Amino acid sequence: MHTLSRTALLAVLAAFAAGAVAGNPPAAPAAGISLAQARAIALKAAPGKIVKEEREQEDGSLRYSFDIRQDGRIHEIGVDVATGKIVEDKFEDPANRD
């Protein structure tokens, strides 16, 4: 059993090293803000009722996107997952809602 564990460990290390050599660095551990934190940031910037929320890849970064209803209009707020900074703040055109 001890030999099997050592063999398995060596196999994992070899695979890790092969990925790094091939130019594929290991994935960084997940970090950043939670959906609840992003929701609070978005509502502070645009008080109202969230009618749609999603986590999406946009322009090479992960973001939380919120559509917030304010006085009959939709205010779209994007919050960067890694930093918590607002990366989008605009009102949607009612004719072009997605």
N, C-alpha and C. Protein backbone atom coordinates (compact mmCIF):
# COMPACT_ATOMS: atom_id res chain seq x y z
N MET A 1 0.83 -1.19 0.00
CA MET A 1 0.00 0.00 0.00
C MET A 1 0.87 1.25 0.00
N HIS A 2 1.95 1.23 0.76
CA HIS A 2 2.86 2.37 0.84
C HIS A 2 3.50 2.63 -0.52
N THR A 3 3.86 1.58 -1.23
CA THR A 3 4.46 1.72 -2.55
C THR A 3 3.45 2.30 -3.52
N LEU A 4 2.18 1.90 -3.42
CA LEU A 4 1.14 2.41 -4.28
C LEU A 4 0.94 3.91 -4.03
N SER A 5 0.94 4.34 -2.79
CA SER A 5 0.78 5.77 -2.47
C SER A 5 1.94 6.57 -3.03
N ARG A 6 3.16 6.05 -2.91
CA ARG A 6 4.33 6.75 -3.43
C ARG A 6 4.25 6.84 -4.96
N THR A 7 3.81 5.77 -5.60
CA THR A 7 3.67 5.76 -7.05
C THR A 7 2.61 6.77 -7.50
N ALA A 8 1.51 6.81 -6.79
CA ALA A 8 0.45 7.76 -7.12
C ALA A 8 0.93 9.20 -6.96
N LEU A 9 1.68 9.45 -5.89
CA LEU A 9 2.22 10.79 -5.65
C LEU A 9 3.18 11.19 -6.77
N LEU A 10 4.04 10.26 -7.16
CA LEU A 10 4.99 10.56 -8.24
C LEU A 10 4.26 10.83 -9.56
N ALA A 11 3.19 10.11 -9.81
CA ALA A 11 2.42 10.32 -11.04
C ALA A 11 1.78 11.70 -11.04
N VAL A 12 1.25 12.11 -9.91
CA VAL A 12 0.63 13.44 -9.81
C VAL A 12 1.69 14.52 -10.00
N LEU A 13 2.84 14.37 -9.36
CA LEU A 13 3.91 15.36 -9.51
C LEU A 13 4.41 15.42 -10.94
N ALA A 14 4.52 14.30 -11.61
CA ALA A 14 4.97 14.28 -12.99
C ALA A 14 3.96 15.00 -13.89
N ALA A 15 2.68 14.76 -13.67
CA ALA A 15 1.66 15.42 -14.47
C ALA A 15 1.69 16.93 -14.24
N PHE A 16 1.87 17.34 -13.00
CA PHE A 16 1.96 18.75 -12.65
C PHE A 16 3.15 19.40 -13.36
N ALA A 17 4.29 18.75 -13.30
CA ALA A 17 5.51 19.27 -13.92
C ALA A 17 5.35 19.33 -15.44
N ALA A 18 4.74 18.33 -16.02
CA ALA A 18 4.54 18.31 -17.48
C ALA A 18 3.66 19.48 -17.91
N GLY A 19 2.63 19.79 -17.14
CA GLY A 19 1.76 20.92 -17.47
C GLY A 19 2.51 22.23 -17.37
N ALA A 20 3.34 22.40 -16.35
CA ALA A 20 4.09 23.64 -16.17
C ALA A 20 5.12 23.81 -17.29
N VAL A 21 5.76 22.72 -17.69
CA VAL A 21 6.76 22.79 -18.75
C VAL A 21 6.09 23.11 -20.08
N ALA A 22 4.90 22.60 -20.29
CA ALA A 22 4.20 22.82 -21.55
C ALA A 22 3.61 24.23 -21.64
N GLY A 23 3.84 25.05 -20.63
CA GLY A 23 3.33 26.41 -20.67
C GLY A 23 1.95 26.55 -20.09
N ASN A 24 1.47 25.53 -19.43
CA ASN A 24 0.15 25.57 -18.80
C ASN A 24 0.35 25.61 -17.29
N PRO A 25 0.48 26.80 -16.71
CA PRO A 25 0.68 26.85 -15.27
C PRO A 25 -0.54 26.29 -14.55
N PRO A 26 -0.34 25.76 -13.36
CA PRO A 26 -1.48 25.21 -12.63
C PRO A 26 -2.50 26.31 -12.35
N ALA A 27 -3.75 25.92 -12.33
CA ALA A 27 -4.81 26.90 -12.07
C ALA A 27 -4.68 27.45 -10.66
N ALA A 28 -4.89 28.74 -10.56
CA ALA A 28 -4.85 29.38 -9.25
C ALA A 28 -6.10 28.99 -8.48
N PRO A 29 -5.99 28.91 -7.18
CA PRO A 29 -7.18 28.58 -6.40
C PRO A 29 -8.23 29.68 -6.57
N ALA A 30 -9.48 29.26 -6.48
CA ALA A 30 -10.56 30.23 -6.62
C ALA A 30 -10.46 31.28 -5.52
N ALA A 31 -10.58 32.53 -5.90
CA ALA A 31 -10.53 33.62 -4.93
C ALA A 31 -11.48 34.69 -5.39
N GLY A 32 -11.69 35.64 -4.56
CA GLY A 32 -12.53 36.75 -4.94
C GLY A 32 -13.71 36.89 -4.01
N ILE A 33 -14.68 37.64 -4.49
CA ILE A 33 -15.84 37.93 -3.66
C ILE A 33 -16.98 36.96 -3.96
N SER A 34 -17.86 36.83 -3.00
CA SER A 34 -19.01 35.94 -3.15
C SER A 34 -20.13 36.66 -3.89
N LEU A 35 -21.11 35.90 -4.31
CA LEU A 35 -22.29 36.48 -4.95
C LEU A 35 -22.99 37.44 -4.00
N ALA A 36 -23.10 37.07 -2.74
CA ALA A 36 -23.76 37.94 -1.75
C ALA A 36 -23.01 39.27 -1.60
N GLN A 37 -21.69 39.22 -1.58
CA GLN A 37 -20.92 40.46 -1.49
C GLN A 37 -21.11 41.32 -2.74
N ALA A 38 -21.08 40.68 -3.91
CA ALA A 38 -21.27 41.41 -5.16
C ALA A 38 -22.66 42.03 -5.21
N ARG A 39 -23.65 41.30 -4.73
CA ARG A 39 -25.02 41.81 -4.71
C ARG A 39 -25.10 43.09 -3.86
N ALA A 40 -24.45 43.08 -2.69
CA ALA A 40 -24.45 44.25 -1.81
C ALA A 40 -23.75 45.44 -2.48
N ILE A 41 -22.65 45.19 -3.17
CA ILE A 41 -21.92 46.25 -3.88
C ILE A 41 -22.82 46.85 -4.97
N ALA A 42 -23.48 45.98 -5.73
CA ALA A 42 -24.33 46.45 -6.83
C ALA A 42 -25.51 47.27 -6.31
N LEU A 43 -26.14 46.80 -5.24
CA LEU A 43 -27.30 47.51 -4.70
C LEU A 43 -26.91 48.83 -4.04
N LYS A 44 -25.70 48.91 -3.54
CA LYS A 44 -25.22 50.19 -2.99
C LYS A 44 -25.05 51.20 -4.13
N ALA A 45 -24.54 50.74 -5.26
CA ALA A 45 -24.33 51.61 -6.42
C ALA A 45 -25.64 51.96 -7.12
N ALA A 46 -26.60 51.03 -7.11
CA ALA A 46 -27.86 51.22 -7.82
C ALA A 46 -29.00 50.61 -7.01
N PRO A 47 -29.50 51.34 -6.02
CA PRO A 47 -30.59 50.79 -5.19
C PRO A 47 -31.81 50.45 -6.05
N GLY A 48 -32.42 49.34 -5.76
CA GLY A 48 -33.60 48.90 -6.50
C GLY A 48 -33.84 47.43 -6.27
N LYS A 49 -34.53 46.80 -7.20
CA LYS A 49 -34.85 45.37 -7.11
C LYS A 49 -34.07 44.63 -8.19
N ILE A 50 -33.29 43.64 -7.78
CA ILE A 50 -32.54 42.82 -8.74
C ILE A 50 -33.54 41.92 -9.47
N VAL A 51 -33.55 42.01 -10.79
CA VAL A 51 -34.45 41.18 -11.58
C VAL A 51 -33.70 40.09 -12.35
N LYS A 52 -32.37 40.21 -12.42
CA LYS A 52 -31.56 39.19 -13.09
C LYS A 52 -30.14 39.30 -12.55
N GLU A 53 -29.53 38.15 -12.30
CA GLU A 53 -28.13 38.13 -11.87
C GLU A 53 -27.46 36.91 -12.47
N GLU A 54 -26.18 37.07 -12.79
CA GLU A 54 -25.42 35.95 -13.33
C GLU A 54 -23.94 36.19 -13.13
N ARG A 55 -23.19 35.10 -13.16
CA ARG A 55 -21.73 35.16 -13.16
C ARG A 55 -21.31 34.83 -14.57
N GLU A 56 -20.49 35.71 -15.17
CA GLU A 56 -20.16 35.53 -16.57
C GLU A 56 -18.73 35.93 -16.86
N GLN A 57 -18.23 35.42 -17.98
CA GLN A 57 -16.90 35.79 -18.49
C GLN A 57 -17.12 36.93 -19.47
N GLU A 58 -16.47 38.05 -19.24
CA GLU A 58 -16.61 39.20 -20.13
C GLU A 58 -15.26 39.88 -20.26
N ASP A 59 -14.81 40.07 -21.48
CA ASP A 59 -13.53 40.74 -21.75
C ASP A 59 -12.37 40.08 -20.99
N GLY A 60 -12.39 38.76 -20.89
CA GLY A 60 -11.30 38.03 -20.25
C GLY A 60 -11.33 38.00 -18.74
N SER A 61 -12.37 38.53 -18.13
CA SER A 61 -12.49 38.54 -16.67
C SER A 61 -13.83 37.97 -16.25
N LEU A 62 -13.84 37.42 -15.04
CA LEU A 62 -15.11 36.96 -14.48
C LEU A 62 -15.78 38.13 -13.79
N ARG A 63 -17.09 38.21 -13.97
CA ARG A 63 -17.85 39.27 -13.30
C ARG A 63 -19.21 38.75 -12.90
N TYR A 64 -19.77 39.40 -11.89
CA TYR A 64 -21.18 39.21 -11.57
C TYR A 64 -21.91 40.35 -12.27
N SER A 65 -22.99 40.02 -12.94
CA SER A 65 -23.77 41.03 -13.65
C SER A 65 -25.17 41.07 -13.05
N PHE A 66 -25.63 42.27 -12.75
CA PHE A 66 -26.94 42.45 -12.12
C PHE A 66 -27.78 43.41 -12.95
N ASP A 67 -29.01 43.03 -13.23
CA ASP A 67 -30.00 43.93 -13.80
C ASP A 67 -30.88 44.36 -12.64
N ILE A 68 -30.90 45.67 -12.37
CA ILE A 68 -31.62 46.21 -11.22
C ILE A 68 -32.70 47.16 -11.73
N ARG A 69 -33.94 46.86 -11.34
CA ARG A 69 -35.06 47.71 -11.76
C ARG A 69 -35.09 48.95 -10.87
N GLN A 70 -35.06 50.12 -11.55
CA GLN A 70 -35.14 51.41 -10.86
C GLN A 70 -36.14 52.28 -11.62
N ASP A 71 -37.27 52.58 -11.00
CA ASP A 71 -38.26 53.47 -11.60
C ASP A 71 -38.61 53.08 -13.03
N GLY A 72 -38.83 51.80 -13.26
CA GLY A 72 -39.24 51.32 -14.57
C GLY A 72 -38.11 51.15 -15.57
N ARG A 73 -36.89 51.49 -15.18
CA ARG A 73 -35.73 51.29 -16.06
C ARG A 73 -34.85 50.19 -15.49
N ILE A 74 -34.00 49.61 -16.33
CA ILE A 74 -33.07 48.58 -15.90
C ILE A 74 -31.67 49.15 -15.86
N HIS A 75 -31.09 49.10 -14.68
CA HIS A 75 -29.72 49.58 -14.46
C HIS A 75 -28.83 48.35 -14.39
N GLU A 76 -27.86 48.24 -15.27
CA GLU A 76 -26.97 47.08 -15.29
C GLU A 76 -25.67 47.44 -14.57
N ILE A 77 -25.35 46.64 -13.57
CA ILE A 77 -24.13 46.81 -12.79
C ILE A 77 -23.31 45.54 -12.91
N GLY A 78 -22.03 45.68 -13.30
CA GLY A 78 -21.10 44.56 -13.35
C GLY A 78 -20.07 44.72 -12.26
N VAL A 79 -19.84 43.65 -11.50
CA VAL A 79 -18.89 43.66 -10.39
C VAL A 79 -17.83 42.60 -10.65
N ASP A 80 -16.56 43.02 -10.67
CA ASP A 80 -15.44 42.11 -10.92
C ASP A 80 -15.36 41.08 -9.78
N VAL A 81 -15.31 39.81 -10.13
CA VAL A 81 -15.26 38.73 -9.13
C VAL A 81 -13.99 38.80 -8.29
N ALA A 82 -12.87 39.10 -8.91
CA ALA A 82 -11.58 39.09 -8.20
C ALA A 82 -11.40 40.28 -7.27
N THR A 83 -11.87 41.47 -7.70
CA THR A 83 -11.56 42.69 -6.95
C THR A 83 -12.75 43.30 -6.22
N GLY A 84 -13.96 43.01 -6.68
CA GLY A 84 -15.14 43.65 -6.11
C GLY A 84 -15.39 45.04 -6.65
N LYS A 85 -14.61 45.45 -7.64
CA LYS A 85 -14.80 46.78 -8.23
C LYS A 85 -15.92 46.74 -9.28
N ILE A 86 -16.61 47.86 -9.40
CA ILE A 86 -17.66 47.97 -10.42
C ILE A 86 -16.98 48.18 -11.77
N VAL A 87 -17.29 47.29 -12.71
CA VAL A 87 -16.67 47.36 -14.04
C VAL A 87 -17.68 47.73 -15.12
N GLU A 88 -18.95 47.81 -14.74
CA GLU A 88 -19.98 48.26 -15.68
C GLU A 88 -21.08 48.94 -14.88
N ASP A 89 -21.55 50.05 -15.40
CA ASP A 89 -22.58 50.84 -14.73
C ASP A 89 -23.33 51.60 -15.81
N LYS A 90 -24.44 51.04 -16.27
CA LYS A 90 -25.17 51.68 -17.36
C LYS A 90 -26.65 51.32 -17.28
N PHE A 91 -27.45 52.12 -17.94
CA PHE A 91 -28.87 51.81 -18.09
C PHE A 91 -29.06 51.11 -19.42
N GLU A 92 -29.84 50.03 -19.40
CA GLU A 92 -30.10 49.29 -20.63
C GLU A 92 -31.16 50.01 -21.45
N ASP A 93 -31.01 49.89 -22.76
CA ASP A 93 -32.01 50.38 -23.68
C ASP A 93 -33.20 49.42 -23.61
N PRO A 94 -34.40 49.91 -23.27
CA PRO A 94 -35.55 49.00 -23.14
C PRO A 94 -35.83 48.19 -24.40
N ALA A 95 -35.47 48.71 -25.55
CA ALA A 95 -35.71 48.00 -26.82
C ALA A 95 -34.69 46.88 -27.04
N ASN A 96 -33.55 46.92 -26.33
CA ASN A 96 -32.48 45.93 -26.55
C ASN A 96 -32.21 45.09 -25.32
N ARG A 97 -33.19 44.75 -24.56
CA ARG A 97 -32.99 43.93 -23.36
C ARG A 97 -32.54 42.54 -23.75
N ASP A 98 -31.54 42.01 -23.04
CA ASP A 98 -31.12 40.61 -23.29
C ASP A 98 -31.63 39.68 -22.25
